Amino acid sequence: MNSALLTDGYKTGHHQQYPTGTTKVYSNYTPRSNNYAPKECTEVVVFGTQLMVKQLHEHFEENFFKPKSRNEKTKNEICQEIKTELSLYLGFDYDVTHFEELWDLGYLPIEIKALEEGTLCPIKVPMLTIYNTLPEFYWITNYLETIISNLIWKPMTSASLAYQYKQLLKKWALKTDKENIGFVDYQGHDFSMRGLDSVDATISSGLGHLTSFLGTDSLPAIYGARKYYNETGFVACSVPATEHSVMCAGGKGSEIETFRRLLKTYPKGILSVVSDTWNLWDVLTKHLPELKEEILARDGKLVIRPDSGDPVNIICGLPKETIAKYGNEGEFYKDINNSRKYKKYFPELFNISEEKGVVELLWDAFGGTINDQGYKVLDSHIGAIYGDSINLDRAEQICSRLEAKGFASTNVVLGIGSFTYQYNTRDTFGFAMKATYVEINGEGQEIFKDPITDDGVKKSAVGLLKVFKENGVIKLQDKCNWEEESTGLLEVIYKDGIAYNLTTLTEIRERLNG
């Protein structure tokens, strides 16, 4: 696709709409609001700026300046393609002189500055600025707004949500199993690829997840780490794991034999087995106790994976108040187990095993230890993972309910899927790129927007911007001069076709989690 078409259609006429004599447009990219973000998210993880500039540069190199497809298109072919499309689109003979001049130049005449990746940026503080470096290309700054936003909002949003998961799981691990705090790096596992909208989204969102965690099943994210963040060694990991087709193929009547065969196939290491293809409670109370000696003799951990139902209740069991409100507990279960009609109305209460939940039933079967903080930790040969419909609220409930029952939060791994990473938009953090300064006929002008009909979210900064740190807090100073603008935390990451201050995923992880 011709790179000149990577924009909103309405921007194709803006080069004619700026005042005569315009020579510079200076804009910024800012998270304006967390109104639609989880309540814990008061800062945004700066991540994806290097990913964005590399993708932007690569696309223009390959599809505008130096196209490699169709036997090396000429300048006339490239620009005629733009002229044909936009003339049809706009309904008049579209002048492509400005694109011809850009092609002759041979690179994007812009300077992009950004906060260091792995920085926590407060809401309403710019994390990136961009302006044109040659006066005749004043129009290019905001022409690129659309593609910059398109490339950057998802990795930043996913990285910010992953960070919230990391802090949540770390909080509960410190409270219930501080000696095992390193486990948190693997406790949030990326299950999202099948629910994301493209392979590119899997790369950008999956990399965002990996800024906080080391576990993923989204393999394209590892490719992204190597291509865009220069990683050469270990990036992330996973374990052998089954799916329902494997269990179904073994047959319902032979489920325990399928478990036995898998244990022999993988005599060492972690093995994850989906366990609710038919009856999760039978697996936990019948199959696993029968296989106990084989499981305990194995050099590794068998991880049980439920995949249906309410995640909190399945892992933690039913809260006592849920049972209590239906009357006498013993009579309730006597009745419930002898009358299927109740399942229609109270399906979550139909099986008595559900009162205990997966973790407690595993404890009943395999036991474990009680750590110095007084919490139960399952035997090292057994564990649990749940990866269906997890979000931050449910993660908090799971950890809280486990703690209330005397279990360490580290007894379970959470698969974080598209229910977290796809249920977001650019508005989750109110990301927007807006111009705040222009130069016209050699004179600088501070510009801004402040709609009278808005609630203040869309009010922009004014003029040239400086982002700085004061008493450990990142702040914005607007209405700057160029000297002040050059002294802040924003550093050049791309200028006139060259990337600067490159970083690695490893370095980003160290900044964010160090």
Foldseek 3Di string as FASTA:
>chain_A
DALLPLFDLVLLCVLVVPDPQFFKFKKFKFLLFQPQAPPVQQWWFDDQPLVLVVVSLVCCCCRPQFPPPPPTDDLCRSQVVVQVVSCVVVVHRDDSVLSSVVSVLRFQQKWKWAFDGLDTGGHQATGMMMMGNGRSVNSVRCRCFNSSLVRGLQLRQLLSQLLLQLVLLLVQCVLAPVVPSVLSLAQEEAPAPVPDDDLSSLQSNVLSNQLRHQHYPSVSVVVSQCPRFVDDDRRHDDDAEDDLVQQVVCPPVCNLVSVVVVCVVDLAEEYEYEQPNPNNVCCLQPSCLVCVVSLVVGHYAYAYEYEDDQVQLQAAADDPVVQPVVPDNVVVQVVLQVDVVCCVVCVCVNDPVSRGHDVSSQCVRANADQDPSGAGAGNRSYAYEYEYLDHPVSLNSNSVSSVVVRHRSSRYGYHYYCSYSVPDDSNSSNIGMDTQWIAGNRDIDGDWDDDPPDPRSRTHAIAQWAWAADPRHIDIDHPDDPVRNVPHSIDTQDRRSDGPPRHHSVVSSVSNPD
